[in-house]
């Protein structure tokens, strides 16, 4: 082999020693609420979201070795009494302009409206509030987390395809439960469902580890679910307080779905299609656990930066964001089709998985649900439904 050719190959395949461009990414999160897992089979996760972001950094840097780019993650968990604004300003003063936020909708809007955030790009990786995508959009805020409407629509499409149109809705006590229930009601109107019965869950569960706990739950659920016939019981219990107790205990032998049972999600350990198996294994080998939806949303945000950086080869936030919101942006995300952003509200459009605890049941959008631009826009709020201006 001639020397010039050897030199050329070496330059192509040798990892770059000096990085011309560095992309600093910050992640701000709160200490998760301490809660006892429903079963000892479920591990406690201390790095939920952070591990997904770190996977994205590793993936970005794999490419960055050859493009002269380096990606660095700085993670900050808010201390007791510390505000998200304080952490944001501190990171901003250090030169960080790209932020992943595992925070409430209230915190997200407060940060997006800071004067320091005017030259920054924020990624919402956890808040599912519909309002953030409909009335309270911000020009500097993108969403890799799905909205509740997207999840409810994905499940509603599948139930429509199955012709399970009679729904019994059980709603928990929290505002989040009521918000998801409202999204299910919206999905029913969109896809031909009918909520024949709606009941609020009032039974105080939590005695499952006592000798008679199962009997109390068995009796309570059996009595609670004595209603007119329905095709599926849909539960709105985002905190996972009671929804799992309903399966196999209903008065009528019917499936359970919603937040427990048959549910919609962006990611699950059971998912193995479109190259996901290799991706799942890489994450598991590094962390010893399976990737969660929060991890996946963080990974999507970091990879969005990496994909845009590869295309524009600039660190300026405006250039990165402009590319992300353009028709040229397409991110491979192990979903069978590229994922993209809606330019009208910053929401990432992506297929939604319909899963049970152990298997993938389906993927929405379902066949037959058409859209003039993208079938993915049949999930969640479409452009004409959004009232905010970005």
Protein backbone atom coordinates (compact mmCIF):
# COMPACT_ATOMS: atom_id res chain seq x y z
CA UNK A 1 0.00 0.00 0.00
CA UNK A 2 1.37 3.39 -0.92
CA UNK A 3 2.26 5.77 1.92
CA UNK A 4 -0.16 8.58 0.95
CA UNK A 5 -3.06 6.11 1.09
CA UNK A 6 -1.89 4.77 4.45
CA UNK A 7 -1.69 8.33 5.78
CA UNK A 8 -5.17 9.14 4.49
CA UNK A 9 -6.69 6.07 6.14
CA UNK A 10 -4.93 6.88 9.40
CA UNK A 11 -6.37 10.37 9.36
CA UNK A 12 -9.86 9.03 8.75
CA UNK A 13 -9.94 6.31 11.38
CA UNK A 14 -7.63 7.65 14.09
CA UNK A 15 -9.57 9.30 16.94
CA UNK A 16 -8.93 12.99 17.01
CA UNK A 17 -6.65 14.18 19.77
CA UNK A 18 -7.71 17.84 19.77
CA UNK A 19 -11.38 18.81 19.78
CA UNK A 20 -12.15 21.99 17.88
CA UNK A 21 -15.68 22.34 19.27
CA UNK A 22 -16.94 21.54 22.77
CA UNK A 23 -20.64 21.28 23.60
CA UNK A 24 -21.36 21.67 27.31
CA UNK A 25 -24.73 20.32 28.38
CA UNK A 26 -26.28 20.80 31.81
CA UNK A 27 -28.88 18.61 33.49
CA UNK A 28 -30.93 19.97 36.37
CA UNK A 29 -33.21 17.67 38.38
CA UNK A 30 -34.85 17.43 41.77
CA UNK A 31 -34.33 14.66 44.30
CA UNK A 32 -37.06 12.15 43.45
CA UNK A 33 -39.79 11.62 46.02
CA UNK A 34 -38.85 8.63 48.15
CA UNK A 35 -41.25 5.82 47.51
CA UNK A 36 -41.38 2.12 48.22
CA UNK A 37 -41.48 0.02 45.04
CA UNK A 38 -44.67 -1.98 44.57
CA UNK A 39 -42.64 -5.18 44.50
CA UNK A 40 -39.12 -6.15 45.51
CA UNK A 41 -38.59 -7.22 41.89
CA UNK A 42 -38.42 -3.53 40.95
CA UNK A 43 -34.98 -2.03 41.68
CA UNK A 44 -34.59 1.40 43.23
CA UNK A 45 -33.13 3.75 40.61
CA UNK A 46 -30.91 6.58 41.80
CA UNK A 47 -29.74 7.84 38.40
CA UNK A 48 -33.00 7.92 36.45
CA UNK A 49 -32.58 10.33 33.54
CA UNK A 50 -28.93 10.99 34.32
CA UNK A 51 -27.91 7.55 33.02
CA UNK A 52 -29.82 8.18 29.78
CA UNK A 53 -28.09 11.52 29.29
CA UNK A 54 -24.72 9.88 29.90
CA UNK A 55 -25.54 7.28 27.25
CA UNK A 56 -26.29 10.10 24.83
CA UNK A 57 -22.96 11.73 25.66
CA UNK A 58 -21.12 8.48 24.95
CA UNK A 59 -22.95 8.07 21.64
CA UNK A 60 -22.26 11.67 20.63
CA UNK A 61 -18.58 11.38 21.47
CA UNK A 62 -18.26 8.21 19.41
CA UNK A 63 -19.02 10.32 16.36
CA UNK A 64 -17.33 13.39 17.78
CA UNK A 65 -13.94 11.70 17.72
CA UNK A 66 -14.07 11.86 13.93
CA UNK A 67 -15.78 15.24 13.54
CA UNK A 68 -13.65 17.21 15.98
CA UNK A 69 -16.45 17.64 18.51
CA UNK A 70 -16.63 16.86 22.21
CA UNK A 71 -19.75 16.64 24.38
CA UNK A 72 -19.60 17.15 28.14
CA UNK A 73 -22.43 16.63 30.66
CA UNK A 74 -22.70 18.52 33.97
CA UNK A 75 -25.44 17.11 36.19
CA UNK A 76 -26.90 18.95 39.17
CA UNK A 77 -29.51 17.61 41.61
CA UNK A 78 -31.15 20.45 43.51
CA UNK A 79 -30.35 20.51 47.21
CA UNK A 80 -32.94 21.15 49.89
CA UNK A 81 -34.06 24.76 49.62
CA UNK A 82 -32.14 25.40 46.40
CA UNK A 83 -34.17 26.82 43.55
CA UNK A 84 -33.94 25.71 39.95
CA UNK A 85 -33.23 29.33 38.99
CA UNK A 86 -30.16 29.42 41.27
CA UNK A 87 -28.77 26.25 39.68
CA UNK A 88 -29.54 27.51 36.19
CA UNK A 89 -27.81 30.85 36.75
CA UNK A 90 -24.75 29.11 38.20
CA UNK A 91 -24.46 26.79 35.19
CA UNK A 92 -25.12 29.65 32.78
CA UNK A 93 -22.32 31.69 34.39
CA UNK A 94 -19.99 28.77 33.66
CA UNK A 95 -20.81 29.00 29.97
CA UNK A 96 -23.46 26.28 29.64
CA UNK A 97 -26.21 27.15 27.17
CA UNK A 98 -27.80 23.73 26.57
CA UNK A 99 -29.95 22.35 29.40
CA UNK A 100 -31.84 19.13 30.10
CA UNK A 101 -34.53 19.74 32.72
CA UNK A 102 -36.18 17.08 34.86
CA UNK A 103 -38.48 19.56 36.58
CA UNK A 104 -42.12 20.51 37.02
CA UNK A 105 -44.01 22.60 34.47
CA UNK A 106 -43.90 25.55 36.87
CA UNK A 107 -40.12 25.32 37.15
CA UNK A 108 -39.72 24.94 33.38
CA UNK A 109 -41.65 28.11 32.61
CA UNK A 110 -39.83 30.05 35.32
CA UNK A 111 -36.45 29.04 33.86
CA UNK A 112 -37.49 29.63 30.25
CA UNK A 113 -38.54 33.18 31.17
CA UNK A 114 -35.26 34.10 32.89
CA UNK A 115 -33.25 36.78 31.12
CA UNK A 116 -30.25 34.41 31.18
CA UNK A 117 -32.26 31.82 29.26
CA UNK A 118 -32.72 34.08 26.23
CA UNK A 119 -29.49 32.73 24.70
CA UNK A 120 -30.06 29.14 25.88
CA UNK A 121 -31.91 26.07 24.66
CA UNK A 122 -33.89 24.06 27.18
CA UNK A 123 -35.11 20.47 26.83
CA UNK A 124 -38.04 19.27 28.92
CA UNK A 125 -37.33 15.59 29.59
CA UNK A 126 -40.07 14.77 32.10
CA UNK A 127 -43.05 17.14 32.38
CA UNK A 128 -46.04 15.77 30.45
CA UNK A 129 -48.38 18.72 31.00
CA UNK A 130 -50.45 19.45 27.89
CA UNK A 131 -50.46 23.16 28.73
CA UNK A 132 -46.73 23.40 27.94
CA UNK A 133 -47.53 22.40 24.35
CA UNK A 134 -50.84 24.25 23.90
CA UNK A 135 -51.08 27.53 25.81
CA UNK A 136 -47.68 27.98 27.47
CA UNK A 137 -45.11 27.32 24.74
CA UNK A 138 -41.74 29.02 24.97
CA UNK A 139 -39.43 29.71 22.03
CA UNK A 140 -36.40 28.37 23.91
CA UNK A 141 -38.09 25.20 25.20
CA UNK A 142 -38.25 21.84 23.39
CA UNK A 143 -39.94 18.69 24.67
CA UNK A 144 -38.49 15.20 24.32
CA UNK A 145 -40.94 13.98 26.97
CA UNK A 146 -44.35 13.16 25.48
CA UNK A 147 -47.45 15.04 26.49
CA UNK A 148 -50.26 13.23 28.29
CA UNK A 149 -52.35 13.79 25.16
CA UNK A 150 -49.81 11.89 23.04
CA UNK A 151 -49.87 8.90 25.41
CA UNK A 152 -53.67 8.89 25.69
CA UNK A 153 -54.09 9.24 21.90
CA UNK A 154 -51.67 6.37 21.27
CA UNK A 155 -53.65 4.10 23.58
CA UNK A 156 -56.97 5.38 22.22
CA UNK A 157 -55.95 4.55 18.66
CA UNK A 158 -55.09 0.99 19.64
CA UNK A 159 -58.37 0.54 21.51
CA UNK A 160 -60.20 1.87 18.45
CA UNK A 161 -58.35 -0.62 16.24
CA UNK A 162 -59.40 -3.39 18.64
CA UNK A 163 -62.96 -2.03 18.69
CA UNK A 164 -62.83 -1.81 22.46
CA UNK A 165 -64.97 1.32 22.50
CA UNK A 166 -66.72 1.06 25.89
CA UNK A 167 -64.43 2.37 28.62
CA UNK A 168 -64.69 2.34 32.41
CA UNK A 169 -62.44 5.12 33.77
CA UNK A 170 -61.00 5.01 37.31
CA UNK A 171 -59.23 8.17 38.47
CA UNK A 172 -56.78 8.69 41.32
CA UNK A 173 -56.61 11.56 43.78
CA UNK A 174 -53.82 13.73 42.42
CA UNK A 175 -53.97 16.63 39.93
CA UNK A 176 -51.74 14.56 37.63
CA UNK A 177 -54.26 11.72 37.69
CA UNK A 178 -57.07 14.09 36.79
CA UNK A 179 -54.96 15.58 34.00
CA UNK A 180 -54.33 12.17 32.46
CA UNK A 181 -58.02 11.29 32.83
CA UNK A 182 -58.87 14.48 30.89
CA UNK A 183 -56.49 13.37 28.12
CA UNK A 184 -58.20 9.97 28.01
CA UNK A 185 -61.58 11.70 27.71
CA UNK A 186 -60.19 13.77 24.83
CA UNK A 187 -58.85 10.61 23.17
CA UNK A 188 -62.27 8.96 23.50
CA UNK A 189 -63.88 11.80 21.54
CA UNK A 190 -61.15 11.68 18.88
CA UNK A 191 -61.13 7.94 18.29
CA UNK A 192 -64.67 6.74 18.90
CA UNK A 193 -64.45 5.67 22.53
CA UNK A 194 -67.25 6.09 25.05
CA UNK A 195 -66.68 6.44 28.79
CA UNK A 196 -69.75 4.76 30.18
CA UNK A 197 -68.65 5.01 33.79
CA UNK A 198 -66.14 7.21 35.64
CA UNK A 199 -65.30 6.68 39.29
CA UNK A 200 -62.80 8.23 41.68
CA UNK A 201 -60.62 5.79 43.60
CA UNK A 202 -60.98 6.41 47.35
CA UNK A 203 -59.82 3.14 48.91
CA UNK A 204 -56.62 3.52 50.96
CA UNK A 205 -54.29 0.83 49.68
CA UNK A 206 -50.87 0.03 51.07
CA UNK A 207 -51.56 -3.01 53.22
CA UNK A 208 -50.33 -5.45 50.58
CA UNK A 209 -47.40 -6.60 52.72
CA UNK A 210 -49.60 -7.58 55.65
CA UNK A 211 -51.01 -11.07 55.97
CA UNK A 212 -54.54 -9.96 55.12
CA UNK A 213 -53.66 -7.12 52.73
CA UNK A 214 -54.48 -9.05 49.59
CA UNK A 215 -57.92 -9.95 50.94
CA UNK A 216 -58.80 -6.32 51.69
CA UNK A 217 -57.76 -5.23 48.21
CA UNK A 218 -59.57 -8.16 46.61
CA UNK A 219 -62.82 -7.26 48.33
CA UNK A 220 -62.50 -3.53 47.73
CA UNK A 221 -61.76 -3.83 44.01
CA UNK A 222 -64.49 -6.41 43.46
CA UNK A 223 -67.09 -4.14 45.06
CA UNK A 224 -65.76 -0.95 43.47
CA UNK A 225 -65.93 -2.33 39.91
CA UNK A 226 -69.53 -3.53 39.98
CA UNK A 227 -70.72 -1.31 37.14
CA UNK A 228 -72.44 -1.78 33.79
CA UNK A 229 -70.57 -3.75 31.14
CA UNK A 230 -67.49 -2.28 29.43
CA UNK A 231 -64.65 -3.44 27.19
CA UNK A 232 -61.67 -2.21 29.20
CA UNK A 233 -61.03 -0.53 32.55
CA UNK A 234 -58.75 2.48 32.11
CA UNK A 235 -56.96 3.74 35.21
CA UNK A 236 -55.36 7.15 35.77
CA UNK A 237 -52.79 6.61 38.52
CA UNK A 238 -49.50 8.26 37.58
CA UNK A 239 -47.98 7.77 41.04
CA UNK A 240 -48.59 3.99 40.82
CA UNK A 241 -50.49 4.02 44.12
CA UNK A 242 -53.34 1.63 43.32
CA UNK A 243 -53.68 0.90 39.60
CA UNK A 244 -51.77 -2.39 39.71
CA UNK A 245 -54.25 -3.75 42.29
CA UNK A 246 -57.12 -3.64 39.79
CA UNK A 247 -55.97 -6.33 37.35
CA UNK A 248 -57.55 -9.77 37.90
CA UNK A 249 -59.77 -8.42 40.70
CA UNK A 250 -62.48 -6.63 38.72
CA UNK A 251 -66.06 -7.83 39.13
CA UNK A 252 -66.28 -8.53 35.40
CA UNK A 253 -63.35 -10.31 33.71
CA UNK A 254 -62.02 -7.36 31.71
CA UNK A 255 -58.54 -6.06 30.77
CA UNK A 256 -56.98 -3.12 32.59
CA UNK A 257 -55.05 -0.32 30.87
CA UNK A 258 -54.10 3.33 31.18
CA UNK A 259 -51.22 4.07 33.53
CA UNK A 260 -51.01 0.41 34.56
CA UNK A 261 -51.66 -2.81 32.63
CA UNK A 262 -51.84 -2.07 28.92
CA UNK A 263 -50.17 1.33 28.71
CA UNK A 264 -48.55 3.79 26.32
CA UNK A 265 -44.93 4.79 26.77
CA UNK A 266 -41.99 6.16 24.82
CA UNK A 267 -39.65 3.39 25.97
CA UNK A 268 -39.68 0.02 27.71
CA UNK A 269 -37.25 -2.77 28.49
CA UNK A 270 -39.48 -5.14 26.51
CA UNK A 271 -38.90 -3.24 23.25
CA UNK A 272 -36.56 -4.99 20.79
CA UNK A 273 -37.59 -3.84 17.30
CA UNK A 274 -35.64 -1.69 14.81
CA UNK A 275 -32.22 -2.27 16.35
CA UNK A 276 -33.38 -1.51 19.89
CA UNK A 277 -31.99 -4.79 21.23
CA UNK A 278 -28.39 -3.72 20.70
CA UNK A 279 -29.14 -0.28 22.16
CA UNK A 280 -30.83 -1.84 25.20
CA UNK A 281 -27.86 -4.14 25.79
CA UNK A 282 -25.33 -1.32 25.59
CA UNK A 283 -27.25 0.61 28.23
CA UNK A 284 -27.74 -2.44 30.46
CA UNK A 285 -24.07 -3.40 30.30
CA UNK A 286 -23.12 0.09 31.45
CA UNK A 287 -25.76 0.60 34.15
CA UNK A 288 -26.91 -2.86 35.22
CA UNK A 289 -30.54 -1.93 34.62
CA UNK A 290 -32.98 -1.27 31.78
CA UNK A 291 -33.57 2.16 30.28
CA UNK A 292 -36.63 4.04 31.54
CA UNK A 293 -38.79 6.54 29.63
CA UNK A 294 -37.02 9.36 31.50
CA UNK A 295 -33.63 7.97 30.46
CA UNK A 296 -34.85 7.76 26.88
CA UNK A 297 -36.10 11.37 26.89
CA UNK A 298 -32.72 12.52 28.22
CA UNK A 299 -30.93 10.43 25.59
CA UNK A 300 -33.11 11.96 22.85
CA UNK A 301 -32.26 15.48 24.01
CA UNK A 302 -28.51 14.84 24.08
CA UNK A 303 -28.63 13.05 20.74
CA UNK A 304 -30.63 15.94 19.27
CA UNK A 305 -27.73 18.21 20.14
CA UNK A 306 -25.27 15.72 18.69
CA UNK A 307 -27.18 15.31 15.45
CA UNK A 308 -27.59 19.07 14.98
CA UNK A 309 -23.94 19.67 15.85
CA UNK A 310 -22.83 17.18 13.21
CA UNK A 311 -24.90 18.96 10.56
CA UNK A 312 -24.19 22.61 11.35
CA UNK A 313 -20.74 22.21 12.99
CA UNK A 314 -21.38 25.18 15.26
CA UNK A 315 -21.80 25.63 19.00
CA UNK A 316 -24.18 28.60 18.68
CA UNK A 317 -27.55 27.77 20.20
CA UNK A 318 -29.51 29.62 17.51
CA UNK A 319 -27.92 27.55 14.74
CA UNK A 320 -28.52 24.27 16.58
CA UNK A 321 -32.14 25.09 17.34
CA UNK A 322 -32.85 26.30 13.83
CA UNK A 323 -31.65 23.00 12.44
CA UNK A 324 -33.60 20.94 14.99
CA UNK A 325 -36.84 22.69 14.02
CA UNK A 326 -36.20 22.43 10.28
CA UNK A 327 -37.37 19.77 7.85
CA UNK A 328 -33.75 18.67 7.48
CA UNK A 329 -33.51 17.39 11.07
CA UNK A 330 -34.03 13.64 11.38
CA UNK A 331 -32.85 11.66 14.38
CA UNK A 332 -32.57 7.87 14.33
CA UNK A 333 -34.11 6.74 17.60
CA UNK A 334 -34.75 2.98 17.24
CA UNK A 335 -38.41 3.57 16.43
CA UNK A 336 -38.57 2.51 12.77
CA UNK A 337 -38.88 6.11 11.53
CA UNK A 338 -36.80 9.21 12.30
CA UNK A 339 -38.04 11.43 15.10
CA UNK A 340 -38.42 15.18 14.54
CA UNK A 341 -39.69 18.30 16.30
CA UNK A 342 -42.97 20.14 15.74
CA UNK A 343 -42.07 23.69 14.91
CA UNK A 344 -45.32 25.05 16.34
CA UNK A 345 -44.79 23.92 19.95
CA UNK A 346 -41.35 22.31 20.21
CA UNK A 347 -42.74 18.83 20.88
CA UNK A 348 -40.76 15.89 19.56
CA UNK A 349 -42.99 13.73 17.38
CA UNK A 350 -42.28 10.03 17.76
CA UNK A 351 -44.00 6.64 17.68
CA UNK A 352 -45.47 5.56 21.02
CA UNK A 353 -45.18 1.98 22.30
CA UNK A 354 -48.20 0.09 23.62
CA UNK A 355 -46.86 -2.42 26.12
CA UNK A 356 -47.72 -4.70 28.97
CA UNK A 357 -45.28 -5.55 31.74
CA UNK A 358 -43.48 -8.18 29.65
CA UNK A 359 -44.23 -7.70 25.95
CA UNK A 360 -44.64 -5.10 23.23
CA UNK A 361 -48.31 -5.21 22.20
CA UNK A 362 -48.36 -2.58 19.44
CA UNK A 363 -46.93 0.74 18.25
CA UNK A 364 -48.98 3.88 17.54
CA UNK A 365 -49.92 5.64 15.34
CA UNK A 366 -52.04 2.72 14.18
CA UNK A 367 -52.59 1.95 10.52
CA UNK A 368 -55.47 3.88 9.04
CA UNK A 369 -55.04 7.03 11.13
CA UNK A 370 -53.96 9.48 8.45
CA UNK A 371 -52.60 13.01 8.52
CA UNK A 372 -51.84 15.47 5.74
CA UNK A 373 -48.26 15.97 6.99
CA UNK A 374 -47.24 13.05 9.23
CA UNK A 375 -49.21 10.20 10.87
CA UNK A 376 -47.19 11.00 14.01
CA UNK A 377 -49.15 14.24 14.26
CA UNK A 378 -52.29 12.24 15.00
CA UNK A 379 -50.79 11.85 18.50
CA UNK A 380 -51.17 14.86 20.76
CA UNK A 381 -52.05 18.42 19.80
CA UNK A 382 -51.82 19.32 16.12
CA UNK A 383 -50.94 22.77 14.78
CA UNK A 384 -54.55 24.12 14.54
CA UNK A 385 -55.20 23.12 18.18
CA UNK A 386 -52.26 25.09 19.60
CA UNK A 387 -52.96 28.63 20.73
CA UNK A 388 -49.53 29.71 21.97
CA UNK A 389 -46.98 31.44 19.78
CA UNK A 390 -43.33 30.40 19.85
